[in-house]
Amino acid sequence: MALAGKHQFGEIDGTRVTFVEKGIDENRMKFLKELLEYNGYTVLTTEKKKKNEEDPTLYDLGVTDMVFNPTIWIFERKLRTPDGRIVTQVYWEQKADDTKPQYWQF
């Protein structure tokens, strides 16, 4: 999912959250949850209701920090990977595991 500048607020299990991403698959949800928890955020997820049984399982993921905005945190270089590297847009979007390429190289 592309980074967006807008905050999306809502509730997960009765707790106010800033949505990080909505309608994501399980692998993406696990990746973001691990990354954000490592950076000290309380992460909440919820499974979206399926319209029919054949639909894939999708999740909404949010953090309890109401000022968190992934676009700002990434471009201000505030997020770190578990091995201490800076999270870039390419890493966030899971296009590459290397955090060295800068956004203008893609």
PDB file of N, CA and C in Angstrom:
ATOM      1  N   MET A   1       0.842  -1.173   0.000  1.00  0.00           N
ATOM      2  CA  MET A   1       0.000   0.000   0.000  1.00  0.00           C
ATOM      3  C   MET A   1       0.890   1.240   0.000  1.00  0.00           C
ATOM      4  N   ALA A   2       0.565   2.195  -0.813  1.00  0.00           N
ATOM      5  CA  ALA A   2       1.330   3.429  -0.889  1.00  0.00           C
ATOM      6  C   ALA A   2       1.113   4.266   0.360  1.00  0.00           C
ATOM      7  N   LEU A   3       2.127   5.022   0.706  1.00  0.00           N
ATOM      8  CA  LEU A   3       2.010   5.908   1.857  1.00  0.00           C
ATOM      9  C   LEU A   3       1.044   7.036   1.530  1.00  0.00           C
ATOM     10  N   ALA A   4       0.228   7.382   2.506  1.00  0.00           N
ATOM     11  CA  ALA A   4      -0.735   8.466   2.334  1.00  0.00           C
ATOM     12  C   ALA A   4      -0.463   9.525   3.394  1.00  0.00           C
ATOM     13  N   GLY A   5      -0.728  10.757   3.086  1.00  0.00           N
ATOM     14  CA  GLY A   5      -0.463  11.837   4.027  1.00  0.00           C
ATOM     15  C   GLY A   5      -1.527  12.021   5.083  1.00  0.00           C
ATOM     16  N   LYS A   6      -2.720  11.473   4.863  1.00  0.00           N
ATOM     17  CA  LYS A   6      -3.838  11.682   5.776  1.00  0.00           C
ATOM     18  C   LYS A   6      -3.815  10.693   6.939  1.00  0.00           C
ATOM     19  N   HIS A   7      -4.256  11.179   8.085  1.00  0.00           N
ATOM     20  CA  HIS A   7      -4.486  10.300   9.225  1.00  0.00           C
ATOM     21  C   HIS A   7      -5.847   9.667   9.053  1.00  0.00           C
ATOM     22  N   GLN A   8      -5.939   8.391   9.399  1.00  0.00           N
ATOM     23  CA  GLN A   8      -7.234   7.725   9.427  1.00  0.00           C
ATOM     24  C   GLN A   8      -7.457   7.253  10.859  1.00  0.00           C
ATOM     25  N   PHE A   9      -8.481   7.758  11.485  1.00  0.00           N
ATOM     26  CA  PHE A   9      -8.776   7.409  12.864  1.00  0.00           C
ATOM     27  C   PHE A   9      -9.963   6.468  12.926  1.00  0.00           C
ATOM     28  N   GLY A  10     -10.020   5.702  13.984  1.00  0.00           N
ATOM     29  CA  GLY A  10     -11.144   4.809  14.180  1.00  0.00           C
ATOM     30  C   GLY A  10     -10.990   4.046  15.474  1.00  0.00           C
ATOM     31  N   GLU A  11     -11.671   2.919  15.559  1.00  0.00           N
ATOM     32  CA  GLU A  11     -11.661   2.087  16.762  1.00  0.00           C
ATOM     33  C   GLU A  11     -11.389   0.646  16.402  1.00  0.00           C
ATOM     34  N   ILE A  12     -10.606   0.001  17.241  1.00  0.00           N
ATOM     35  CA  ILE A  12     -10.414  -1.442  17.171  1.00  0.00           C
ATOM     36  C   ILE A  12     -10.655  -1.976  18.571  1.00  0.00           C
ATOM     37  N   ASP A  13     -11.624  -2.847  18.702  1.00  0.00           N
ATOM     38  CA  ASP A  13     -11.991  -3.438  19.996  1.00  0.00           C
ATOM     39  C   ASP A  13     -12.224  -2.378  21.080  1.00  0.00           C
ATOM     40  N   GLY A  14     -12.891  -1.284  20.711  1.00  0.00           N
ATOM     41  CA  GLY A  14     -13.237  -0.251  21.677  1.00  0.00           C
ATOM     42  C   GLY A  14     -12.103   0.709  22.013  1.00  0.00           C
ATOM     43  N   THR A  15     -10.962   0.593  21.373  1.00  0.00           N
ATOM     44  CA  THR A  15      -9.824   1.474  21.632  1.00  0.00           C
ATOM     45  C   THR A  15      -9.601   2.371  20.421  1.00  0.00           C
ATOM     46  N   ARG A  16      -9.472   3.687  20.659  1.00  0.00           N
ATOM     47  CA  ARG A  16      -9.208   4.634  19.568  1.00  0.00           C
ATOM     48  C   ARG A  16      -7.823   4.375  19.005  1.00  0.00           C
ATOM     49  N   VAL A  17      -7.722   4.353  17.682  1.00  0.00           N
ATOM     50  CA  VAL A  17      -6.451   4.098  17.013  1.00  0.00           C
ATOM     51  C   VAL A  17      -6.279   5.027  15.812  1.00  0.00           C
ATOM     52  N   THR A  18      -5.032   5.163  15.409  1.00  0.00           N
ATOM     53  CA  THR A  18      -4.700   5.723  14.110  1.00  0.00           C
ATOM     54  C   THR A  18      -4.466   4.528  13.211  1.00  0.00           C
ATOM     55  N   PHE A  19      -5.245   4.401  12.142  1.00  0.00           N
ATOM     56  CA  PHE A  19      -5.055   3.276  11.242  1.00  0.00           C
ATOM     57  C   PHE A  19      -3.770   3.475  10.450  1.00  0.00           C
ATOM     58  N   VAL A  20      -2.966   2.425  10.419  1.00  0.00           N
ATOM     59  CA  VAL A  20      -1.730   2.445   9.640  1.00  0.00           C
ATOM     60  C   VAL A  20      -2.044   1.958   8.235  1.00  0.00           C
ATOM     61  N   GLU A  21      -2.704   0.815   8.139  1.00  0.00           N
ATOM     62  CA  GLU A  21      -3.156   0.287   6.848  1.00  0.00           C
ATOM     63  C   GLU A  21      -4.431  -0.507   7.067  1.00  0.00           C
ATOM     64  N   LYS A  22      -5.280  -0.487   6.057  1.00  0.00           N
ATOM     65  CA  LYS A  22      -6.548  -1.218   6.106  1.00  0.00           C
ATOM     66  C   LYS A  22      -6.607  -2.191   4.941  1.00  0.00           C
ATOM     67  N   GLY A  23      -7.262  -3.318   5.167  1.00  0.00           N
ATOM     68  CA  GLY A  23      -7.479  -4.291   4.102  1.00  0.00           C
ATOM     69  C   GLY A  23      -6.203  -4.962   3.622  1.00  0.00           C
ATOM     70  N   ILE A  24      -5.341  -5.328   4.558  1.00  0.00           N
ATOM     71  CA  ILE A  24      -4.058  -5.948   4.195  1.00  0.00           C
ATOM     72  C   ILE A  24      -4.092  -7.440   4.491  1.00  0.00           C
ATOM     73  N   ASP A  25      -3.229  -8.192   3.810  1.00  0.00           N
ATOM     74  CA  ASP A  25      -3.186  -9.642   4.031  1.00  0.00           C
ATOM     75  C   ASP A  25      -2.386  -9.962   5.303  1.00  0.00           C
ATOM     76  N   GLU A  26      -2.386 -11.225   5.676  1.00  0.00           N
ATOM     77  CA  GLU A  26      -1.771 -11.645   6.934  1.00  0.00           C
ATOM     78  C   GLU A  26      -0.267 -11.401   6.960  1.00  0.00           C
ATOM     79  N   ASN A  27       0.433 -11.653   5.851  1.00  0.00           N
ATOM     80  CA  ASN A  27       1.880 -11.442   5.822  1.00  0.00           C
ATOM     81  C   ASN A  27       2.230  -9.974   6.041  1.00  0.00           C
ATOM     82  N   ARG A  28       1.510  -9.080   5.388  1.00  0.00           N
ATOM     83  CA  ARG A  28       1.747  -7.645   5.540  1.00  0.00           C
ATOM     84  C   ARG A  28       1.431  -7.211   6.961  1.00  0.00           C
ATOM     85  N   MET A  29       0.360  -7.726   7.512  1.00  0.00           N
ATOM     86  CA  MET A  29      -0.033  -7.398   8.879  1.00  0.00           C
ATOM     87  C   MET A  29       1.055  -7.809   9.859  1.00  0.00           C
ATOM     88  N   LYS A  30       1.606  -9.020   9.717  1.00  0.00           N
ATOM     89  CA  LYS A  30       2.657  -9.498  10.621  1.00  0.00           C
ATOM     90  C   LYS A  30       3.923  -8.659  10.487  1.00  0.00           C
ATOM     91  N   PHE A  31       4.286  -8.308   9.235  1.00  0.00           N
ATOM     92  CA  PHE A  31       5.467  -7.486   8.994  1.00  0.00           C
ATOM     93  C   PHE A  31       5.336  -6.140   9.704  1.00  0.00           C
ATOM     94  N   LEU A  32       4.206  -5.449   9.494  1.00  0.00           N
ATOM     95  CA  LEU A  32       4.011  -4.136  10.099  1.00  0.00           C
ATOM     96  C   LEU A  32       3.897  -4.212  11.608  1.00  0.00           C
ATOM     97  N   LYS A  33       3.219  -5.225  12.096  1.00  0.00           N
ATOM     98  CA  LYS A  33       3.046  -5.369  13.541  1.00  0.00           C
ATOM     99  C   LYS A  33       4.402  -5.548  14.221  1.00  0.00           C
ATOM    100  N   GLU A  34       5.234  -6.406  13.674  1.00  0.00           N
ATOM    101  CA  GLU A  34       6.565  -6.635  14.248  1.00  0.00           C
ATOM    102  C   GLU A  34       7.402  -5.350  14.204  1.00  0.00           C
ATOM    103  N   LEU A  35       7.376  -4.662  13.080  1.00  0.00           N
ATOM    104  CA  LEU A  35       8.156  -3.437  12.907  1.00  0.00           C
ATOM    105  C   LEU A  35       7.702  -2.343  13.871  1.00  0.00           C
ATOM    106  N   LEU A  36       6.401  -2.133  13.961  1.00  0.00           N
ATOM    107  CA  LEU A  36       5.881  -1.074  14.819  1.00  0.00           C
ATOM    108  C   LEU A  36       6.042  -1.400  16.299  1.00  0.00           C
ATOM    109  N   GLU A  37       5.855  -2.640  16.689  1.00  0.00           N
ATOM    110  CA  GLU A  37       6.060  -3.015  18.084  1.00  0.00           C
ATOM    111  C   GLU A  37       7.524  -2.856  18.480  1.00  0.00           C
ATOM    112  N   TYR A  38       8.430  -3.174  17.567  1.00  0.00           N
ATOM    113  CA  TYR A  38       9.851  -2.964  17.840  1.00  0.00           C
ATOM    114  C   TYR A  38      10.139  -1.480  18.098  1.00  0.00           C
ATOM    115  N   ASN A  39       9.428  -0.603  17.401  1.00  0.00           N
ATOM    116  CA  ASN A  39       9.619   0.835  17.561  1.00  0.00           C
ATOM    117  C   ASN A  39       8.814   1.412  18.724  1.00  0.00           C
ATOM    118  N   GLY A  40       8.212   0.569  19.539  1.00  0.00           N
ATOM    119  CA  GLY A  40       7.573   1.002  20.773  1.00  0.00           C
ATOM    120  C   GLY A  40       6.099   1.350  20.685  1.00  0.00           C
ATOM    121  N   TYR A  41       5.435   1.006  19.606  1.00  0.00           N
ATOM    122  CA  TYR A  41       4.018   1.317  19.460  1.00  0.00           C
ATOM    123  C   TYR A  41       3.162   0.146  19.922  1.00  0.00           C
ATOM    124  N   THR A  42       2.006   0.462  20.480  1.00  0.00           N
ATOM    125  CA  THR A  42       1.023  -0.546  20.810  1.00  0.00           C
ATOM    126  C   THR A  42       0.175  -0.749  19.563  1.00  0.00           C
ATOM    127  N   VAL A  43       0.211  -1.971  19.022  1.00  0.00           N
ATOM    128  CA  VAL A  43      -0.444  -2.274  17.752  1.00  0.00           C
ATOM    129  C   VAL A  43      -1.690  -3.111  18.001  1.00  0.00           C
ATOM    130  N   LEU A  44      -2.784  -2.722  17.374  1.00  0.00           N
ATOM    131  CA  LEU A  44      -4.025  -3.485  17.439  1.00  0.00           C
ATOM    132  C   LEU A  44      -4.432  -3.872  16.025  1.00  0.00           C
ATOM    133  N   THR A  45      -4.943  -5.081  15.882  1.00  0.00           N
ATOM    134  CA  THR A  45      -5.399  -5.549  14.580  1.00  0.00           C
ATOM    135  C   THR A  45      -6.806  -6.113  14.713  1.00  0.00           C
ATOM    136  N   THR A  46      -7.503  -6.106  13.601  1.00  0.00           N
ATOM    137  CA  THR A  46      -8.824  -6.721  13.564  1.00  0.00           C
ATOM    138  C   THR A  46      -9.012  -7.354  12.193  1.00  0.00           C
ATOM    139  N   GLU A  47      -9.685  -8.485  12.203  1.00  0.00           N
ATOM    140  CA  GLU A  47      -9.983  -9.181  10.953  1.00  0.00           C
ATOM    141  C   GLU A  47     -11.237  -8.585  10.341  1.00  0.00           C
ATOM    142  N   LYS A  48     -11.152  -8.264   9.067  1.00  0.00           N
ATOM    143  CA  LYS A  48     -12.317  -7.717   8.379  1.00  0.00           C
ATOM    144  C   LYS A  48     -13.312  -8.839   8.072  1.00  0.00           C
ATOM    145  N   LYS A  49     -14.572  -8.500   8.073  1.00  0.00           N
ATOM    146  CA  LYS A  49     -15.599  -9.488   7.758  1.00  0.00           C
ATOM    147  C   LYS A  49     -15.563  -9.806   6.272  1.00  0.00           C
ATOM    148  N   LYS A  50     -15.707 -11.090   5.968  1.00  0.00           N
ATOM    149  CA  LYS A  50     -15.728 -11.543   4.575  1.00  0.00           C
ATOM    150  C   LYS A  50     -17.147 -11.448   4.027  1.00  0.00           C
ATOM    151  N   LYS A  51     -17.251 -11.080   2.764  1.00  0.00           N
ATOM    152  CA  LYS A  51     -18.567 -11.053   2.122  1.00  0.00           C
ATOM    153  C   LYS A  51     -19.017 -12.462   1.782  1.00  0.00           C
ATOM    154  N   ASN A  52     -18.043 -13.314   1.402  1.00  0.00           N
ATOM    155  CA  ASN A  52     -18.336 -14.732   1.184  1.00  0.00           C
ATOM    156  C   ASN A  52     -17.095 -15.553   1.521  1.00  0.00           C
ATOM    157  N   GLU A  53     -17.250 -16.848   1.623  1.00  0.00           N
ATOM    158  CA  GLU A  53     -16.181 -17.729   2.082  1.00  0.00           C
ATOM    159  C   GLU A  53     -14.937 -17.751   1.193  1.00  0.00           C
ATOM    160  N   GLU A  54     -15.091 -17.463  -0.094  1.00  0.00           N
ATOM    161  CA  GLU A  54     -13.959 -17.527  -1.019  1.00  0.00           C
ATOM    162  C   GLU A  54     -13.027 -16.327  -0.901  1.00  0.00           C
ATOM    163  N   ASP A  55     -13.490 -15.244  -0.309  1.00  0.00           N
ATOM    164  CA  ASP A  55     -12.674 -14.041  -0.174  1.00  0.00           C
ATOM    165  C   ASP A  55     -11.486 -14.291   0.749  1.00  0.00           C
ATOM    166  N   PRO A  56     -10.354 -13.665   0.466  1.00  0.00           N
ATOM    167  CA  PRO A  56      -9.200 -13.823   1.364  1.00  0.00           C
ATOM    168  C   PRO A  56      -9.442 -13.103   2.688  1.00  0.00           C
ATOM    169  N   THR A  57      -8.741 -13.539   3.710  1.00  0.00           N
ATOM    170  CA  THR A  57      -8.833 -12.890   5.014  1.00  0.00           C
ATOM    171  C   THR A  57      -7.995 -11.621   4.982  1.00  0.00           C
ATOM    172  N   LEU A  58      -8.616 -10.503   5.318  1.00  0.00           N
ATOM    173  CA  LEU A  58      -7.933  -9.214   5.325  1.00  0.00           C
ATOM    174  C   LEU A  58      -8.005  -8.601   6.719  1.00  0.00           C
ATOM    175  N   TYR A  59      -7.054  -7.734   7.015  1.00  0.00           N
ATOM    176  CA  TYR A  59      -6.938  -7.146   8.345  1.00  0.00           C
ATOM    177  C   TYR A  59      -6.824  -5.633   8.263  1.00  0.00           C
ATOM    178  N   ASP A  60      -7.242  -4.979   9.342  1.00  0.00           N
ATOM    179  CA  ASP A  60      -6.976  -3.560   9.562  1.00  0.00           C
ATOM    180  C   ASP A  60      -5.970  -3.495  10.700  1.00  0.00           C
ATOM    181  N   LEU A  61      -4.999  -2.608  10.580  1.00  0.00           N
ATOM    182  CA  LEU A  61      -3.955  -2.492  11.596  1.00  0.00           C
ATOM    183  C   LEU A  61      -3.850  -1.038  12.022  1.00  0.00           C
ATOM    184  N   GLY A  62      -3.823  -0.820  13.332  1.00  0.00           N
ATOM    185  CA  GLY A  62      -3.717   0.540  13.858  1.00  0.00           C
ATOM    186  C   GLY A  62      -2.826   0.587  15.073  1.00  0.00           C
ATOM    187  N   VAL A  63      -2.407   1.794  15.427  1.00  0.00           N
ATOM    188  CA  VAL A  63      -1.605   2.002  16.629  1.00  0.00           C
ATOM    189  C   VAL A  63      -2.377   2.941  17.550  1.00  0.00           C
ATOM    190  N   THR A  64      -2.115   2.817  18.852  1.00  0.00           N
ATOM    191  CA  THR A  64      -2.832   3.632  19.827  1.00  0.00           C
ATOM    192  C   THR A  64      -2.288   5.049  19.931  1.00  0.00           C
ATOM    193  N   ASP A  65      -1.137   5.319  19.337  1.00  0.00           N
ATOM    194  CA  ASP A  65      -0.562   6.664  19.315  1.00  0.00           C
ATOM    195  C   ASP A  65      -1.324   7.480  18.273  1.00  0.00           C
ATOM    196  N   MET A  66      -2.097   8.442  18.711  1.00  0.00           N
ATOM    197  CA  MET A  66      -2.973   9.180  17.811  1.00  0.00           C
ATOM    198  C   MET A  66      -2.227  10.175  16.922  1.00  0.00           C
ATOM    199  N   VAL A  67      -0.956  10.433  17.185  1.00  0.00           N
ATOM    200  CA  VAL A  67      -0.190  11.351  16.346  1.00  0.00           C
ATOM    201  C   VAL A  67       0.640  10.617  15.304  1.00  0.00           C
ATOM    202  N   PHE A  68       0.660   9.302  15.355  1.00  0.00           N
ATOM    203  CA  PHE A  68       1.486   8.534  14.419  1.00  0.00           C
ATOM    204  C   PHE A  68       0.966   8.674  12.996  1.00  0.00           C
ATOM    205  N   ASN A  69       1.885   8.991  12.090  1.00  0.00           N
ATOM    206  CA  ASN A  69       1.589   9.052  10.668  1.00  0.00           C
ATOM    207  C   ASN A  69       2.779   8.407   9.965  1.00  0.00           C
ATOM    208  N   PRO A  70       2.596   7.243   9.328  1.00  0.00           N
ATOM    209  CA  PRO A  70       3.733   6.535   8.737  1.00  0.00           C
ATOM    210  C   PRO A  70       4.527   7.367   7.737  1.00  0.00           C
ATOM    211  N   THR A  71       3.867   8.186   6.959  1.00  0.00           N
ATOM    212  CA  THR A  71       4.579   8.996   5.967  1.00  0.00           C
ATOM    213  C   THR A  71       5.573   9.931   6.649  1.00  0.00           C
ATOM    214  N   ILE A  72       5.126  10.621   7.669  1.00  0.00           N
ATOM    215  CA  ILE A  72       6.003  11.552   8.382  1.00  0.00           C
ATOM    216  C   ILE A  72       7.113  10.807   9.093  1.00  0.00           C
ATOM    217  N   TRP A  73       6.785   9.730   9.781  1.00  0.00           N
ATOM    218  CA  TRP A  73       7.790   9.003  10.546  1.00  0.00           C
ATOM    219  C   TRP A  73       8.866   8.395   9.626  1.00  0.00           C
ATOM    220  N   ILE A  74       8.480   7.935   8.456  1.00  0.00           N
ATOM    221  CA  ILE A  74       9.452   7.344   7.536  1.00  0.00           C
ATOM    222  C   ILE A  74      10.361   8.419   6.947  1.00  0.00           C
ATOM    223  N   PHE A  75       9.787   9.492   6.450  1.00  0.00           N
ATOM    224  CA  PHE A  75      10.612  10.518   5.814  1.00  0.00           C
ATOM    225  C   PHE A  75      11.391  11.359   6.823  1.00  0.00           C
ATOM    226  N   GLU A  76      10.986  11.370   8.082  1.00  0.00           N
ATOM    227  CA  GLU A  76      11.795  12.007   9.119  1.00  0.00           C
ATOM    228  C   GLU A  76      12.776  11.024   9.741  1.00  0.00           C
ATOM    229  N   ARG A  77      12.789   9.803   9.221  1.00  0.00           N
ATOM    230  CA  ARG A  77      13.748   8.765   9.602  1.00  0.00           C
ATOM    231  C   ARG A  77      13.647   8.400  11.096  1.00  0.00           C
ATOM    232  N   LYS A  78      12.418   8.294  11.592  1.00  0.00           N
ATOM    233  CA  LYS A  78      12.182   7.998  13.000  1.00  0.00           C
ATOM    234  C   LYS A  78      12.001   6.510  13.291  1.00  0.00           C
ATOM    235  N   LEU A  79      11.760   5.696  12.264  1.00  0.00           N
ATOM    236  CA  LEU A  79      11.534   4.265  12.472  1.00  0.00           C
ATOM    237  C   LEU A  79      12.800   3.486  12.173  1.00  0.00           C
ATOM    238  N   ARG A  80      13.023   2.435  12.953  1.00  0.00           N
ATOM    239  CA  ARG A  80      14.194   1.572  12.782  1.00  0.00           C
ATOM    240  C   ARG A  80      13.746   0.137  12.575  1.00  0.00           C
ATOM    241  N   THR A  81      14.571  -0.610  11.847  1.00  0.00           N
ATOM    242  CA  THR A  81      14.333  -2.041  11.683  1.00  0.00           C
ATOM    243  C   THR A  81      14.839  -2.738  12.944  1.00  0.00           C
ATOM    244  N   PRO A  82      14.446  -3.981  13.179  1.00  0.00           N
ATOM    245  CA  PRO A  82      14.937  -4.692  14.371  1.00  0.00           C
ATOM    246  C   PRO A  82      16.459  -4.819  14.434  1.00  0.00           C
ATOM    247  N   ASP A  83      17.141  -4.733  13.294  1.00  0.00           N
ATOM    248  CA  ASP A  83      18.610  -4.796  13.340  1.00  0.00           C
ATOM    249  C   ASP A  83      19.245  -3.407  13.331  1.00  0.00           C
ATOM    250  N   GLY A  84      18.439  -2.350  13.569  1.00  0.00           N
ATOM    251  CA  GLY A  84      18.972  -1.015  13.779  1.00  0.00           C
ATOM    252  C   GLY A  84      19.084  -0.115  12.567  1.00  0.00           C
ATOM    253  N   ARG A  85      18.682  -0.585  11.404  1.00  0.00           N
ATOM    254  CA  ARG A  85      18.758   0.258  10.202  1.00  0.00           C
ATOM    255  C   ARG A  85      17.554   1.193  10.143  1.00  0.00           C
ATOM    256  N   ILE A  86      17.687   2.272   9.393  1.00  0.00           N
ATOM    257  CA  ILE A  86      16.587   3.219   9.222  1.00  0.00           C
ATOM    258  C   ILE A  86      15.584   2.655   8.213  1.00  0.00           C
ATOM    259  N   VAL A  87      14.306   2.778   8.535  1.00  0.00           N
ATOM    260  CA  VAL A  87      13.242   2.309   7.637  1.00  0.00           C
ATOM    261  C   VAL A  87      13.058   3.332   6.526  1.00  0.00           C
ATOM    262  N   THR A  88      13.178   2.868   5.290  1.00  0.00           N
ATOM    263  CA  THR A  88      12.939   3.720   4.124  1.00  0.00           C
ATOM    264  C   THR A  88      11.585   3.351   3.524  1.00  0.00           C
ATOM    265  N   GLN A  89      11.146   4.156   2.568  1.00  0.00           N
ATOM    266  CA  GLN A  89       9.870   3.883   1.909  1.00  0.00           C
ATOM    267  C   GLN A  89       9.890   2.524   1.216  1.00  0.00           C
ATOM    268  N   VAL A  90      11.008   2.177   0.602  1.00  0.00           N
ATOM    269  CA  VAL A  90      11.133   0.901  -0.105  1.00  0.00           C
ATOM    270  C   VAL A  90      11.011  -0.266   0.875  1.00  0.00           C
ATOM    271  N   TYR A  91      11.629  -0.132   2.037  1.00  0.00           N
ATOM    272  CA  TYR A  91      11.545  -1.174   3.060  1.00  0.00           C
ATOM    273  C   TYR A  91      10.108  -1.268   3.592  1.00  0.00           C
ATOM    274  N   TRP A  92       9.498  -0.136   3.889  1.00  0.00           N
ATOM    275  CA  TRP A  92       8.127  -0.097   4.410  1.00  0.00           C
ATOM    276  C   TRP A  92       7.160  -0.788   3.466  1.00  0.00           C
ATOM    277  N   GLU A  93       7.316  -0.525   2.167  1.00  0.00           N
ATOM    278  CA  GLU A  93       6.421  -1.104   1.171  1.00  0.00           C
ATOM    279  C   GLU A  93       6.823  -2.522   0.782  1.00  0.00           C
ATOM    280  N   GLN A  94       7.840  -3.068   1.410  1.00  0.00           N
ATOM    281  CA  GLN A  94       8.342  -4.426   1.204  1.00  0.00           C
ATOM    282  C   GLN A  94       8.740  -4.677  -0.253  1.00  0.00           C
ATOM    283  N   LYS A  95       9.301  -3.655  -0.896  1.00  0.00           N
ATOM    284  CA  LYS A  95       9.800  -3.816  -2.253  1.00  0.00           C
ATOM    285  C   LYS A  95      11.233  -4.329  -2.253  1.00  0.00           C
ATOM    286  N   ALA A  96      11.959  -4.056  -1.156  1.00  0.00           N
ATOM    287  CA  ALA A  96      13.334  -4.529  -1.015  1.00  0.00           C
ATOM    288  C   ALA A  96      13.664  -4.597   0.467  1.00  0.00           C
ATOM    289  N   ASP A  97      14.532  -5.521   0.828  1.00  0.00           N
ATOM    290  CA  ASP A  97      14.957  -5.662   2.217  1.00  0.00           C
ATOM    291  C   ASP A  97      16.097  -4.695   2.540  1.00  0.00           C
ATOM    292  N   ASP A  98      16.741  -4.187   1.504  1.00  0.00           N
ATOM    293  CA  ASP A  98      17.850  -3.264   1.669  1.00  0.00           C
ATOM    294  C   ASP A  98      17.306  -1.884   2.007  1.00  0.00           C
ATOM    295  N   THR A  99      17.815  -1.273   3.068  1.00  0.00           N
ATOM    296  CA  THR A  99      17.347   0.057   3.448  1.00  0.00           C
ATOM    297  C   THR A  99      18.252   1.151   2.896  1.00  0.00           C
ATOM    298  N   LYS A 100      19.277   0.794   2.174  1.00  0.00           N
ATOM    299  CA  LYS A 100      20.177   1.785   1.600  1.00  0.00           C
ATOM    300  C   LYS A 100      19.582   2.529   0.410  1.00  0.00           C
ATOM    301  N   PRO A 101      18.875   1.870  -0.508  1.00  0.00           N
ATOM    302  CA  PRO A 101      18.360   2.631  -1.649  1.00  0.00           C
ATOM    303  C   PRO A 101      17.450   3.755  -1.173  1.00  0.00           C
ATOM    304  N   GLN A 102      17.681   4.924  -1.664  1.00  0.00           N
ATOM    305  CA  GLN A 102      16.851   6.065  -1.301  1.00  0.00           C
ATOM    306  C   GLN A 102      15.647   6.131  -2.236  1.00  0.00           C
ATOM    307  N   TYR A 103      14.627   6.873  -1.832  1.00  0.00           N
ATOM    308  CA  TYR A 103      13.382   6.888  -2.598  1.00  0.00           C
ATOM    309  C   TYR A 103      13.576   7.364  -4.029  1.00  0.00           C
ATOM    310  N   TRP A 104      14.526   8.233  -4.298  1.00  0.00           N
ATOM    311  CA  TRP A 104      14.708   8.751  -5.654  1.00  0.00           C
ATOM    312  C   TRP A 104      15.330   7.713  -6.582  1.00  0.00           C
ATOM    313  N   GLN A 105      15.803   6.594  -6.047  1.00  0.00           N
ATOM    314  CA  GLN A 105      16.368   5.543  -6.884  1.00  0.00           C
ATOM    315  C   GLN A 105      15.299   4.579  -7.375  1.00  0.00           C
ATOM    316  N   PHE A 106      14.071   4.759  -6.937  1.00  0.00           N
ATOM    317  CA  PHE A 106      12.997   3.873  -7.380  1.00  0.00           C
ATOM    318  C   PHE A 106      12.023   4.625  -8.200  1.00  0.00           C
TER     319      PHE A 106
END
